[in-house]
Amino acid sequence: MEIQANLDRGLSPEHAREAEQRRFGNALLVRDRAREANPFFSLEIILKDVRYALRSLRRVPGFTLAAGATLALAIGASTAIFAVTYRVLLNPLPYPDSARIMVLDFGPRTCSRV
């Protein structure tokens, strides 16, 4: 509408468009700011990234299989180590008043003659 108003004022079509672009500002910057104002903008970016990753993984099935197996093995190993650590070190003993249990160690017995 502003370009048409500039044309009505007597500017050439090229000058009318340039004048309105100068007044309006950088169109790409305005578009980016409007997109960032959208509350679902980051979700859209994440979904695009996931789609791209899936397309890339579909192209190389050997790598996908190796990466999936490595991830499964790493997750399984981490879970097993955490479960053992929790059960052995962090979980209290199943006895009443287990904080009072002590270990007595007298060390090696040596006998020396004088």
PDB file of N, CA and C in Angstrom:
ATOM      1  N   MET A   1       0.827  -1.191   0.000  1.00  0.00           N
ATOM      2  CA  MET A   1       0.000   0.000   0.000  1.00  0.00           C
ATOM      3  C   MET A   1       0.870   1.253   0.000  1.00  0.00           C
ATOM      4  N   GLU A   2       1.968   1.201   0.753  1.00  0.00           N
ATOM      5  CA  GLU A   2       2.862   2.362   0.800  1.00  0.00           C
ATOM      6  C   GLU A   2       3.566   2.565  -0.540  1.00  0.00           C
ATOM      7  N   ILE A   3       3.891   1.477  -1.211  1.00  0.00           N
ATOM      8  CA  ILE A   3       4.514   1.616  -2.543  1.00  0.00           C
ATOM      9  C   ILE A   3       3.530   2.283  -3.485  1.00  0.00           C
ATOM     10  N   GLN A   4       2.256   1.882  -3.400  1.00  0.00           N
ATOM     11  CA  GLN A   4       1.243   2.510  -4.245  1.00  0.00           C
ATOM     12  C   GLN A   4       1.099   3.986  -3.905  1.00  0.00           C
ATOM     13  N   ALA A   5       1.188   4.324  -2.625  1.00  0.00           N
ATOM     14  CA  ALA A   5       1.106   5.738  -2.226  1.00  0.00           C
ATOM     15  C   ALA A   5       2.292   6.507  -2.804  1.00  0.00           C
ATOM     16  N   ASN A   6       3.499   5.901  -2.804  1.00  0.00           N
ATOM     17  CA  ASN A   6       4.664   6.559  -3.395  1.00  0.00           C
ATOM     18  C   ASN A   6       4.492   6.723  -4.902  1.00  0.00           C
ATOM     19  N   LEU A   7       3.879   5.732  -5.526  1.00  0.00           N
ATOM     20  CA  LEU A   7       3.629   5.845  -6.973  1.00  0.00           C
ATOM     21  C   LEU A   7       2.646   6.974  -7.251  1.00  0.00           C
ATOM     22  N   ASP A   8       1.627   7.138  -6.400  1.00  0.00           N
ATOM     23  CA  ASP A   8       0.644   8.206  -6.570  1.00  0.00           C
ATOM     24  C   ASP A   8       1.279   9.577  -6.371  1.00  0.00           C
ATOM     25  N   ARG A   9       2.355   9.622  -5.566  1.00  0.00           N
ATOM     26  CA  ARG A   9       3.052  10.888  -5.344  1.00  0.00           C
ATOM     27  C   ARG A   9       3.945  11.263  -6.520  1.00  0.00           C
ATOM     28  N   GLY A  10       4.117  10.329  -7.468  1.00  0.00           N
ATOM     29  CA  GLY A  10       4.882  10.640  -8.659  1.00  0.00           C
ATOM     30  C   GLY A  10       6.236   9.977  -8.756  1.00  0.00           C
ATOM     31  N   LEU A  11       6.584   9.083  -7.826  1.00  0.00           N
ATOM     32  CA  LEU A  11       7.860   8.389  -7.905  1.00  0.00           C
ATOM     33  C   LEU A  11       7.777   7.268  -8.936  1.00  0.00           C
ATOM     34  N   SER A  12       8.919   6.927  -9.503  1.00  0.00           N
ATOM     35  CA  SER A  12       8.961   5.802 -10.433  1.00  0.00           C
ATOM     36  C   SER A  12       8.762   4.513  -9.634  1.00  0.00           C
ATOM     37  N   PRO A  13       8.349   3.414 -10.286  1.00  0.00           N
ATOM     38  CA  PRO A  13       8.119   2.167  -9.541  1.00  0.00           C
ATOM     39  C   PRO A  13       9.352   1.705  -8.775  1.00  0.00           C
ATOM     40  N   GLU A  14      10.529   1.846  -9.392  1.00  0.00           N
ATOM     41  CA  GLU A  14      11.759   1.416  -8.726  1.00  0.00           C
ATOM     42  C   GLU A  14      12.046   2.276  -7.494  1.00  0.00           C
ATOM     43  N   HIS A  15      11.932   3.593  -7.642  1.00  0.00           N
ATOM     44  CA  HIS A  15      12.196   4.501  -6.517  1.00  0.00           C
ATOM     45  C   HIS A  15      11.129   4.364  -5.429  1.00  0.00           C
ATOM     46  N   ALA A  16       9.902   4.108  -5.814  1.00  0.00           N
ATOM     47  CA  ALA A  16       8.821   3.941  -4.827  1.00  0.00           C
ATOM     48  C   ALA A  16       9.096   2.712  -3.963  1.00  0.00           C
ATOM     49  N   ARG A  17       9.523   1.626  -4.592  1.00  0.00           N
ATOM     50  CA  ARG A  17       9.819   0.404  -3.849  1.00  0.00           C
ATOM     51  C   ARG A  17      11.044   0.583  -2.946  1.00  0.00           C
ATOM     52  N   GLU A  18      12.102   1.225  -3.457  1.00  0.00           N
ATOM     53  CA  GLU A  18      13.310   1.457  -2.654  1.00  0.00           C
ATOM     54  C   GLU A  18      13.023   2.359  -1.462  1.00  0.00           C
ATOM     55  N   ALA A  19      12.213   3.402  -1.668  1.00  0.00           N
ATOM     56  CA  ALA A  19      11.879   4.320  -0.569  1.00  0.00           C
ATOM     57  C   ALA A  19      11.107   3.583   0.529  1.00  0.00           C
ATOM     58  N   GLU A  20      10.196   2.730   0.136  1.00  0.00           N
ATOM     59  CA  GLU A  20       9.426   2.008   1.138  1.00  0.00           C
ATOM     60  C   GLU A  20      10.286   0.972   1.856  1.00  0.00           C
ATOM     61  N   GLN A  21      11.218   0.343   1.148  1.00  0.00           N
ATOM     62  CA  GLN A  21      12.109  -0.605   1.804  1.00  0.00           C
ATOM     63  C   GLN A  21      13.006   0.093   2.815  1.00  0.00           C
ATOM     64  N   ARG A  22      13.488   1.293   2.492  1.00  0.00           N
ATOM     65  CA  ARG A  22      14.301   2.050   3.448  1.00  0.00           C
ATOM     66  C   ARG A  22      13.481   2.411   4.676  1.00  0.00           C
ATOM     67  N   ARG A  23      12.235   2.806   4.480  1.00  0.00           N
ATOM     68  CA  ARG A  23      11.385   3.194   5.600  1.00  0.00           C
ATOM     69  C   ARG A  23      10.992   1.977   6.448  1.00  0.00           C
ATOM     70  N   PHE A  24      10.732   0.858   5.795  1.00  0.00           N
ATOM     71  CA  PHE A  24      10.276  -0.346   6.473  1.00  0.00           C
ATOM     72  C   PHE A  24      11.416  -1.034   7.210  1.00  0.00           C
ATOM     73  N   GLY A  25      12.606  -1.045   6.659  1.00  0.00           N
ATOM     74  CA  GLY A  25      13.749  -1.704   7.270  1.00  0.00           C
ATOM     75  C   GLY A  25      14.104  -2.975   6.523  1.00  0.00           C
ATOM     76  N   ASN A  26      15.050  -3.700   7.071  1.00  0.00           N
ATOM     77  CA  ASN A  26      15.522  -4.933   6.466  1.00  0.00           C
ATOM     78  C   ASN A  26      14.421  -5.990   6.547  1.00  0.00           C
ATOM     79  N   ALA A  27      13.936  -6.442   5.400  1.00  0.00           N
ATOM     80  CA  ALA A  27      12.814  -7.383   5.365  1.00  0.00           C
ATOM     81  C   ALA A  27      13.188  -8.725   6.001  1.00  0.00           C
ATOM     82  N   LEU A  28      14.408  -9.183   5.778  1.00  0.00           N
ATOM     83  CA  LEU A  28      14.828 -10.455   6.366  1.00  0.00           C
ATOM     84  C   LEU A  28      14.899 -10.364   7.889  1.00  0.00           C
ATOM     85  N   LEU A  29      15.402  -9.235   8.389  1.00  0.00           N
ATOM     86  CA  LEU A  29      15.486  -9.044   9.833  1.00  0.00           C
ATOM     87  C   LEU A  29      14.091  -8.993  10.450  1.00  0.00           C
ATOM     88  N   VAL A  30      13.175  -8.307   9.798  1.00  0.00           N
ATOM     89  CA  VAL A  30      11.804  -8.217  10.298  1.00  0.00           C
ATOM     90  C   VAL A  30      11.160  -9.600  10.301  1.00  0.00           C
ATOM     91  N   ARG A  31      11.393 -10.383   9.242  1.00  0.00           N
ATOM     92  CA  ARG A  31      10.827 -11.735   9.158  1.00  0.00           C
ATOM     93  C   ARG A  31      11.393 -12.621  10.272  1.00  0.00           C
ATOM     94  N   ASP A  32      12.712 -12.520  10.519  1.00  0.00           N
ATOM     95  CA  ASP A  32      13.325 -13.317  11.573  1.00  0.00           C
ATOM     96  C   ASP A  32      12.791 -12.938  12.948  1.00  0.00           C
ATOM     97  N   ARG A  33      12.620 -11.659  13.190  1.00  0.00           N
ATOM     98  CA  ARG A  33      12.083 -11.219  14.488  1.00  0.00           C
ATOM     99  C   ARG A  33      10.648 -11.683  14.671  1.00  0.00           C
ATOM    100  N   ALA A  34       9.869 -11.652  13.611  1.00  0.00           N
ATOM    101  CA  ALA A  34       8.482 -12.122  13.705  1.00  0.00           C
ATOM    102  C   ALA A  34       8.451 -13.620  13.971  1.00  0.00           C
ATOM    103  N   ARG A  35       9.340 -14.363  13.361  1.00  0.00           N
ATOM    104  CA  ARG A  35       9.398 -15.809  13.569  1.00  0.00           C
ATOM    105  C   ARG A  35       9.827 -16.119  14.998  1.00  0.00           C
ATOM    106  N   GLU A  36      10.781 -15.352  15.544  1.00  0.00           N
ATOM    107  CA  GLU A  36      11.243 -15.581  16.912  1.00  0.00           C
ATOM    108  C   GLU A  36      10.171 -15.238  17.941  1.00  0.00           C
ATOM    109  N   ALA A  37       9.231 -14.375  17.576  1.00  0.00           N
ATOM    110  CA  ALA A  37       8.147 -14.026  18.492  1.00  0.00           C
ATOM    111  C   ALA A  37       7.165 -15.178  18.651  1.00  0.00           C
ATOM    112  N   ASN A  38       7.172 -16.117  17.719  1.00  0.00           N
ATOM    113  CA  ASN A  38       6.309 -17.281  17.786  1.00  0.00           C
ATOM    114  C   ASN A  38       6.756 -18.155  18.957  1.00  0.00           C
ATOM    115  N   PRO A  39       5.854 -18.524  19.878  1.00  0.00           N
ATOM    116  CA  PRO A  39       6.274 -19.320  21.035  1.00  0.00           C
ATOM    117  C   PRO A  39       6.724 -20.734  20.669  1.00  0.00           C
ATOM    118  N   PHE A  40       6.330 -21.231  19.512  1.00  0.00           N
ATOM    119  CA  PHE A  40       6.702 -22.580  19.095  1.00  0.00           C
ATOM    120  C   PHE A  40       7.881 -22.577  18.135  1.00  0.00           C
ATOM    121  N   PHE A  41       8.594 -21.455  18.031  1.00  0.00           N
ATOM    122  CA  PHE A  41       9.703 -21.339  17.084  1.00  0.00           C
ATOM    123  C   PHE A  41      10.804 -22.344  17.388  1.00  0.00           C
ATOM    124  N   SER A  42      11.201 -22.470  18.654  1.00  0.00           N
ATOM    125  CA  SER A  42      12.281 -23.399  18.992  1.00  0.00           C
ATOM    126  C   SER A  42      11.847 -24.840  18.773  1.00  0.00           C
ATOM    127  N   LEU A  43      10.573 -25.144  19.000  1.00  0.00           N
ATOM    128  CA  LEU A  43      10.073 -26.491  18.749  1.00  0.00           C
ATOM    129  C   LEU A  43      10.127 -26.809  17.258  1.00  0.00           C
ATOM    130  N   GLU A  44       9.804 -25.827  16.424  1.00  0.00           N
ATOM    131  CA  GLU A  44       9.879 -26.024  14.974  1.00  0.00           C
ATOM    132  C   GLU A  44      11.316 -26.332  14.546  1.00  0.00           C
ATOM    133  N   ILE A  45      12.272 -25.611  15.107  1.00  0.00           N
ATOM    134  CA  ILE A  45      13.682 -25.832  14.766  1.00  0.00           C
ATOM    135  C   ILE A  45      14.114 -27.232  15.198  1.00  0.00           C
ATOM    136  N   ILE A  46      13.708 -27.644  16.399  1.00  0.00           N
ATOM    137  CA  ILE A  46      14.073 -28.973  16.884  1.00  0.00           C
ATOM    138  C   ILE A  46      13.473 -30.045  15.982  1.00  0.00           C
ATOM    139  N   LEU A  47      12.222 -29.887  15.591  1.00  0.00           N
ATOM    140  CA  LEU A  47      11.592 -30.871  14.709  1.00  0.00           C
ATOM    141  C   LEU A  47      12.285 -30.935  13.351  1.00  0.00           C
ATOM    142  N   LYS A  48      12.674 -29.789  12.825  1.00  0.00           N
ATOM    143  CA  LYS A  48      13.413 -29.787  11.559  1.00  0.00           C
ATOM    144  C   LYS A  48      14.749 -30.507  11.708  1.00  0.00           C
ATOM    145  N   ASP A  49      15.436 -30.274  12.818  1.00  0.00           N
ATOM    146  CA  ASP A  49      16.719 -30.943  13.061  1.00  0.00           C
ATOM    147  C   ASP A  49      16.543 -32.452  13.186  1.00  0.00           C
ATOM    148  N   VAL A  50      15.480 -32.884  13.867  1.00  0.00           N
ATOM    149  CA  VAL A  50      15.235 -34.319  14.028  1.00  0.00           C
ATOM    150  C   VAL A  50      14.930 -34.958  12.675  1.00  0.00           C
ATOM    151  N   ARG A  51      14.109 -34.287  11.864  1.00  0.00           N
ATOM    152  CA  ARG A  51      13.806 -34.819  10.523  1.00  0.00           C
ATOM    153  C   ARG A  51      15.068 -34.932   9.683  1.00  0.00           C
ATOM    154  N   TYR A  52      15.917 -33.926   9.744  1.00  0.00           N
ATOM    155  CA  TYR A  52      17.167 -33.958   8.985  1.00  0.00           C
ATOM    156  C   TYR A  52      18.064 -35.098   9.466  1.00  0.00           C
ATOM    157  N   ALA A  53      18.146 -35.284  10.784  1.00  0.00           N
ATOM    158  CA  ALA A  53      18.969 -36.362  11.334  1.00  0.00           C
ATOM    159  C   ALA A  53      18.441 -37.726  10.893  1.00  0.00           C
ATOM    160  N   LEU A  54      17.130 -37.905  10.921  1.00  0.00           N
ATOM    161  CA  LEU A  54      16.555 -39.181  10.494  1.00  0.00           C
ATOM    162  C   LEU A  54      16.802 -39.445   9.014  1.00  0.00           C
ATOM    163  N   ARG A  55      16.687 -38.410   8.196  1.00  0.00           N
ATOM    164  CA  ARG A  55      16.986 -38.576   6.765  1.00  0.00           C
ATOM    165  C   ARG A  55      18.444 -38.948   6.558  1.00  0.00           C
ATOM    166  N   SER A  56      19.332 -38.307   7.298  1.00  0.00           N
ATOM    167  CA  SER A  56      20.760 -38.601   7.171  1.00  0.00           C
ATOM    168  C   SER A  56      21.067 -40.020   7.626  1.00  0.00           C
ATOM    169  N   LEU A  57      20.460 -40.456   8.722  1.00  0.00           N
ATOM    170  CA  LEU A  57      20.705 -41.803   9.222  1.00  0.00           C
ATOM    171  C   LEU A  57      20.125 -42.864   8.290  1.00  0.00           C
ATOM    172  N   ARG A  58      19.034 -42.553   7.611  1.00  0.00           N
ATOM    173  CA  ARG A  58      18.439 -43.491   6.673  1.00  0.00           C
ATOM    174  C   ARG A  58      19.348 -43.718   5.460  1.00  0.00           C
ATOM    175  N   ARG A  59      20.133 -42.712   5.120  1.00  0.00           N
ATOM    176  CA  ARG A  59      21.026 -42.826   3.968  1.00  0.00           C
ATOM    177  C   ARG A  59      22.201 -43.761   4.223  1.00  0.00           C
ATOM    178  N   VAL A  60      22.635 -43.879   5.502  1.00  0.00           N
ATOM    179  CA  VAL A  60      23.807 -44.695   5.829  1.00  0.00           C
ATOM    180  C   VAL A  60      23.391 -45.729   6.879  1.00  0.00           C
ATOM    181  N   PRO A  61      22.815 -46.859   6.456  1.00  0.00           N
ATOM    182  CA  PRO A  61      22.279 -47.812   7.437  1.00  0.00           C
ATOM    183  C   PRO A  61      23.365 -48.497   8.278  1.00  0.00           C
ATOM    184  N   GLY A  62      24.551 -48.717   7.745  1.00  0.00           N
ATOM    185  CA  GLY A  62      25.625 -49.348   8.520  1.00  0.00           C
ATOM    186  C   GLY A  62      26.044 -48.480   9.694  1.00  0.00           C
ATOM    187  N   PHE A  63      26.222 -47.220   9.446  1.00  0.00           N
ATOM    188  CA  PHE A  63      26.588 -46.281  10.515  1.00  0.00           C
ATOM    189  C   PHE A  63      25.467 -46.189  11.537  1.00  0.00           C
ATOM    190  N   THR A  64      24.224 -46.168  11.059  1.00  0.00           N
ATOM    191  CA  THR A  64      23.077 -46.088  11.961  1.00  0.00           C
ATOM    192  C   THR A  64      23.039 -47.292  12.888  1.00  0.00           C
ATOM    193  N   LEU A  65      23.273 -48.483  12.324  1.00  0.00           N
ATOM    194  CA  LEU A  65      23.273 -49.692  13.135  1.00  0.00           C
ATOM    195  C   LEU A  65      24.406 -49.666  14.162  1.00  0.00           C
ATOM    196  N   ALA A  66      25.602 -49.246  13.742  1.00  0.00           N
ATOM    197  CA  ALA A  66      26.745 -49.183  14.662  1.00  0.00           C
ATOM    198  C   ALA A  66      26.501 -48.147  15.762  1.00  0.00           C
ATOM    199  N   ALA A  67      25.979 -46.992  15.389  1.00  0.00           N
ATOM    200  CA  ALA A  67      25.704 -45.950  16.387  1.00  0.00           C
ATOM    201  C   ALA A  67      24.625 -46.403  17.357  1.00  0.00           C
ATOM    202  N   GLY A  68      23.578 -47.052  16.859  1.00  0.00           N
ATOM    203  CA  GLY A  68      22.514 -47.550  17.738  1.00  0.00           C
ATOM    204  C   GLY A  68      23.014 -48.612  18.689  1.00  0.00           C
ATOM    205  N   ALA A  69      23.840 -49.544  18.179  1.00  0.00           N
ATOM    206  CA  ALA A  69      24.390 -50.594  19.040  1.00  0.00           C
ATOM    207  C   ALA A  69      25.307 -50.002  20.106  1.00  0.00           C
ATOM    208  N   THR A  70      26.114 -49.029  19.719  1.00  0.00           N
ATOM    209  CA  THR A  70      27.001 -48.379  20.688  1.00  0.00           C
ATOM    210  C   THR A  70      26.201 -47.665  21.769  1.00  0.00           C
ATOM    211  N   LEU A  71      25.167 -46.959  21.361  1.00  0.00           N
ATOM    212  CA  LEU A  71      24.320 -46.269  22.337  1.00  0.00           C
ATOM    213  C   LEU A  71      23.649 -47.267  23.279  1.00  0.00           C
ATOM    214  N   ALA A  72      23.112 -48.353  22.733  1.00  0.00           N
ATOM    215  CA  ALA A  72      22.441 -49.356  23.567  1.00  0.00           C
ATOM    216  C   ALA A  72      23.418 -49.969  24.560  1.00  0.00           C
ATOM    217  N   LEU A  73      24.608 -50.293  24.101  1.00  0.00           N
ATOM    218  CA  LEU A  73      25.618 -50.879  24.984  1.00  0.00           C
ATOM    219  C   LEU A  73      26.024 -49.893  26.081  1.00  0.00           C
ATOM    220  N   ALA A  74      26.231 -48.643  25.715  1.00  0.00           N
ATOM    221  CA  ALA A  74      26.637 -47.632  26.700  1.00  0.00           C
ATOM    222  C   ALA A  74      25.537 -47.388  27.728  1.00  0.00           C
ATOM    223  N   ILE A  75      24.296 -47.305  27.280  1.00  0.00           N
ATOM    224  CA  ILE A  75      23.189 -47.085  28.219  1.00  0.00           C
ATOM    225  C   ILE A  75      23.036 -48.289  29.142  1.00  0.00           C
ATOM    226  N   GLY A  76      23.139 -49.492  28.591  1.00  0.00           N
ATOM    227  CA  GLY A  76      23.039 -50.694  29.418  1.00  0.00           C
ATOM    228  C   GLY A  76      24.149 -50.782  30.439  1.00  0.00           C
ATOM    229  N   ALA A  77      25.388 -50.492  30.015  1.00  0.00           N
ATOM    230  CA  ALA A  77      26.525 -50.542  30.940  1.00  0.00           C
ATOM    231  C   ALA A  77      26.381 -49.495  32.040  1.00  0.00           C
ATOM    232  N   SER A  78      25.968 -48.295  31.686  1.00  0.00           N
ATOM    233  CA  SER A  78      25.787 -47.238  32.690  1.00  0.00           C
ATOM    234  C   SER A  78      24.715 -47.626  33.692  1.00  0.00           C
ATOM    235  N   THR A  79      23.625 -48.196  33.203  1.00  0.00           N
ATOM    236  CA  THR A  79      22.547 -48.614  34.097  1.00  0.00           C
ATOM    237  C   THR A  79      23.014 -49.712  35.043  1.00  0.00           C
ATOM    238  N   ALA A  80      23.755 -50.682  34.517  1.00  0.00           N
ATOM    239  CA  ALA A  80      24.240 -51.779  35.358  1.00  0.00           C
ATOM    240  C   ALA A  80      25.216 -51.267  36.415  1.00  0.00           C
ATOM    241  N   ILE A  81      26.135 -50.412  36.028  1.00  0.00           N
ATOM    242  CA  ILE A  81      27.108 -49.866  36.983  1.00  0.00           C
ATOM    243  C   ILE A  81      26.410 -49.053  38.052  1.00  0.00           C
ATOM    244  N   PHE A  82      25.439 -48.239  37.663  1.00  0.00           N
ATOM    245  CA  PHE A  82      24.719 -47.446  38.656  1.00  0.00           C
ATOM    246  C   PHE A  82      23.935 -48.349  39.602  1.00  0.00           C
ATOM    247  N   ALA A  83      23.294 -49.384  39.068  1.00  0.00           N
ATOM    248  CA  ALA A  83      22.508 -50.281  39.919  1.00  0.00           C
ATOM    249  C   ALA A  83      23.400 -50.976  40.943  1.00  0.00           C
ATOM    250  N   VAL A  84      24.557 -51.464  40.519  1.00  0.00           N
ATOM    251  CA  VAL A  84      25.476 -52.132  41.452  1.00  0.00           C
ATOM    252  C   VAL A  84      26.008 -51.138  42.474  1.00  0.00           C
ATOM    253  N   THR A  85      26.418 -49.964  42.015  1.00  0.00           N
ATOM    254  CA  THR A  85      26.933 -48.944  42.927  1.00  0.00           C
ATOM    255  C   THR A  85      25.881 -48.543  43.944  1.00  0.00           C
ATOM    256  N   TYR A  86      24.668 -48.354  43.495  1.00  0.00           N
ATOM    257  CA  TYR A  86      23.594 -47.962  44.413  1.00  0.00           C
ATOM    258  C   TYR A  86      23.344 -49.057  45.435  1.00  0.00           C
ATOM    259  N   ARG A  87      23.275 -50.296  44.971  1.00  0.00           N
ATOM    260  CA  ARG A  87      22.967 -51.406  45.872  1.00  0.00           C
ATOM    261  C   ARG A  87      24.086 -51.655  46.874  1.00  0.00           C
ATOM    262  N   VAL A  88      25.337 -51.550  46.432  1.00  0.00           N
ATOM    263  CA  VAL A  88      26.466 -51.884  47.301  1.00  0.00           C
ATOM    264  C   VAL A  88      26.882 -50.705  48.179  1.00  0.00           C
ATOM    265  N   LEU A  89      26.977 -49.520  47.606  1.00  0.00           N
ATOM    266  CA  LEU A  89      27.541 -48.392  48.347  1.00  0.00           C
ATOM    267  C   LEU A  89      26.515 -47.435  48.943  1.00  0.00           C
ATOM    268  N   LEU A  90      25.450 -47.166  48.231  1.00  0.00           N
ATOM    269  CA  LEU A  90      24.555 -46.104  48.655  1.00  0.00           C
ATOM    270  C   LEU A  90      23.352 -46.589  49.456  1.00  0.00           C
ATOM    271  N   ASN A  91      22.861 -47.753  49.160  1.00  0.00           N
ATOM    272  CA  ASN A  91      21.688 -48.269  49.851  1.00  0.00           C
ATOM    273  C   ASN A  91      22.095 -48.789  51.233  1.00  0.00           C
ATOM    274  N   PRO A  92      21.395 -48.403  52.278  1.00  0.00           N
ATOM    275  CA  PRO A  92      21.775 -48.897  53.614  1.00  0.00           C
ATOM    276  C   PRO A  92      21.510 -50.393  53.727  1.00  0.00           C
ATOM    277  N   LEU A  93      22.194 -51.015  54.664  1.00  0.00           N
ATOM    278  CA  LEU A  93      22.030 -52.449  54.878  1.00  0.00           C
ATOM    279  C   LEU A  93      20.636 -52.739  55.423  1.00  0.00           C
ATOM    280  N   PRO A  94      20.099 -53.907  55.102  1.00  0.00           N
ATOM    281  CA  PRO A  94      18.720 -54.213  55.525  1.00  0.00           C
ATOM    282  C   PRO A  94      18.631 -54.744  56.961  1.00  0.00           C
ATOM    283  N   TYR A  95      19.392 -54.177  57.858  1.00  0.00           N
ATOM    284  CA  TYR A  95      19.358 -54.579  59.254  1.00  0.00           C
ATOM    285  C   TYR A  95      18.875 -53.404  60.089  1.00  0.00           C
ATOM    286  N   PRO A  96      18.245 -53.689  61.207  1.00  0.00           N
ATOM    287  CA  PRO A  96      17.848 -52.569  62.076  1.00  0.00           C
ATOM    288  C   PRO A  96      19.083 -51.891  62.659  1.00  0.00           C
ATOM    289  N   ASP A  97      19.060 -50.579  62.695  1.00  0.00           N
ATOM    290  CA  ASP A  97      20.155 -49.778  63.244  1.00  0.00           C
ATOM    291  C   ASP A  97      21.475 -50.103  62.539  1.00  0.00           C
ATOM    292  N   SER A  98      21.428 -50.160  61.208  1.00  0.00           N
ATOM    293  CA  SER A  98      22.595 -50.583  60.440  1.00  0.00           C
ATOM    294  C   SER A  98      23.747 -49.577  60.494  1.00  0.00           C
ATOM    295  N   ALA A  99      23.507 -48.363  60.938  1.00  0.00           N
ATOM    296  CA  ALA A  99      24.582 -47.378  61.033  1.00  0.00           C
ATOM    297  C   ALA A  99      25.560 -47.721  62.154  1.00  0.00           C
ATOM    298  N   ARG A 100      25.152 -48.595  63.069  1.00  0.00           N
ATOM    299  CA  ARG A 100      26.018 -48.945  64.190  1.00  0.00           C
ATOM    300  C   ARG A 100      26.894 -50.158  63.910  1.00  0.00           C
ATOM    301  N   ILE A 101      26.751 -50.778  62.755  1.00  0.00           N
ATOM    302  CA  ILE A 101      27.565 -51.945  62.420  1.00  0.00           C
ATOM    303  C   ILE A 101      28.990 -51.480  62.171  1.00  0.00           C
ATOM    304  N   MET A 102      29.953 -52.201  62.776  1.00  0.00           N
ATOM    305  CA  MET A 102      31.358 -51.837  62.628  1.00  0.00           C
ATOM    306  C   MET A 102      32.161 -53.053  62.203  1.00  0.00           C
ATOM    307  N   VAL A 103      33.317 -52.768  61.666  1.00  0.00           N
ATOM    308  CA  VAL A 103      34.255 -53.821  61.286  1.00  0.00           C
ATOM    309  C   VAL A 103      35.489 -53.638  62.149  1.00  0.00           C
ATOM    310  N   LEU A 104      35.876 -54.686  62.818  1.00  0.00           N
ATOM    311  CA  LEU A 104      37.082 -54.639  63.636  1.00  0.00           C
ATOM    312  C   LEU A 104      38.178 -55.378  62.894  1.00  0.00           C
ATOM    313  N   ASP A 105      39.304 -54.740  62.790  1.00  0.00           N
ATOM    314  CA  ASP A 105      40.436 -55.354  62.094  1.00  0.00           C
ATOM    315  C   ASP A 105      41.665 -55.173  62.975  1.00  0.00           C
ATOM    316  N   PHE A 106      42.214 -56.277  63.422  1.00  0.00           N
ATOM    317  CA  PHE A 106      43.386 -56.207  64.280  1.00  0.00           C
ATOM    318  C   PHE A 106      44.674 -56.300  63.492  1.00  0.00           C
ATOM    319  N   GLY A 107      44.603 -56.462  62.215  1.00  0.00           N
ATOM    320  CA  GLY A 107      45.787 -56.522  61.389  1.00  0.00           C
ATOM    321  C   GLY A 107      46.515 -57.848  61.538  1.00  0.00           C
ATOM    322  N   PRO A 108      47.623 -57.974  60.848  1.00  0.00           N
ATOM    323  CA  PRO A 108      48.358 -59.255  60.940  1.00  0.00           C
ATOM    324  C   PRO A 108      48.982 -59.381  62.327  1.00  0.00           C
ATOM    325  N   ARG A 109      48.961 -60.579  62.812  1.00  0.00           N
ATOM    326  CA  ARG A 109      49.552 -60.844  64.126  1.00  0.00           C
ATOM    327  C   ARG A 109      51.003 -61.256  63.916  1.00  0.00           C
ATOM    328  N   THR A 110      51.836 -60.517  64.510  1.00  0.00           N
ATOM    329  CA  THR A 110      53.265 -60.848  64.425  1.00  0.00           C
ATOM    330  C   THR A 110      53.766 -61.141  65.827  1.00  0.00           C
ATOM    331  N   CYS A 111      54.606 -62.049  65.893  1.00  0.00           N
ATOM    332  CA  CYS A 111      55.172 -62.427  67.169  1.00  0.00           C
ATOM    333  C   CYS A 111      56.693 -62.286  67.047  1.00  0.00           C
ATOM    334  N   SER A 112      57.247 -61.531  67.854  1.00  0.00           N
ATOM    335  CA  SER A 112      58.702 -61.374  67.788  1.00  0.00           C
ATOM    336  C   SER A 112      59.319 -61.791  69.120  1.00  0.00           C
ATOM    337  N   ARG A 113      60.424 -62.406  69.042  1.00  0.00           N
ATOM    338  CA  ARG A 113      61.123 -62.845  70.257  1.00  0.00           C
ATOM    339  C   ARG A 113      62.287 -61.932  70.514  1.00  0.00           C
ATOM    340  N   VAL A 114      62.489 -61.643  71.705  1.00  0.00           N
ATOM    341  CA  VAL A 114      63.594 -60.773  72.075  1.00  0.00           C
ATOM    342  C   VAL A 114      64.702 -61.549  72.708  1.00  0.00           C
TER     343      VAL A 114
END
